[in-house]
Amino acid sequence: MMDKGYMNQGYEIKIFHEVGDGGVAIGMRSGIKDDPAPFVVWNYVYENGVPSFYWGGYSDERLQAITTFIERTRALVSKLDWPAWCALKTQEESK
């Protein structure tokens, strides 16, 4: 089981949403001057009770990371047919 604050590749997990046997997470790293990618969004699955991260989307913008997180979470949830999650819109989609 993952908790907020879990570390992966130097990024601290700040937000995650579990869907089925995996989920989506936003990681943030700090302490690197002029960091070109302080944010990352990963999908993950559990392997032997430990999250295994894949499909990293790196960004220098918080809003982009949040948008990617919502899009990826919505894609996973759509497979479960949860209409409320699937109806969520990002800020860009709402324009």
Foldseek 3Di string as FASTA:
>chain_A
DDDQQDDDPQWGWHDWDDDDQWTKTKTAHDDDPPDQFRIWMWTWGDDPNDTDTDDIDTHPDPLVRVQVRLVVRLVRCVVVVPVVSVPDDRPVRVD
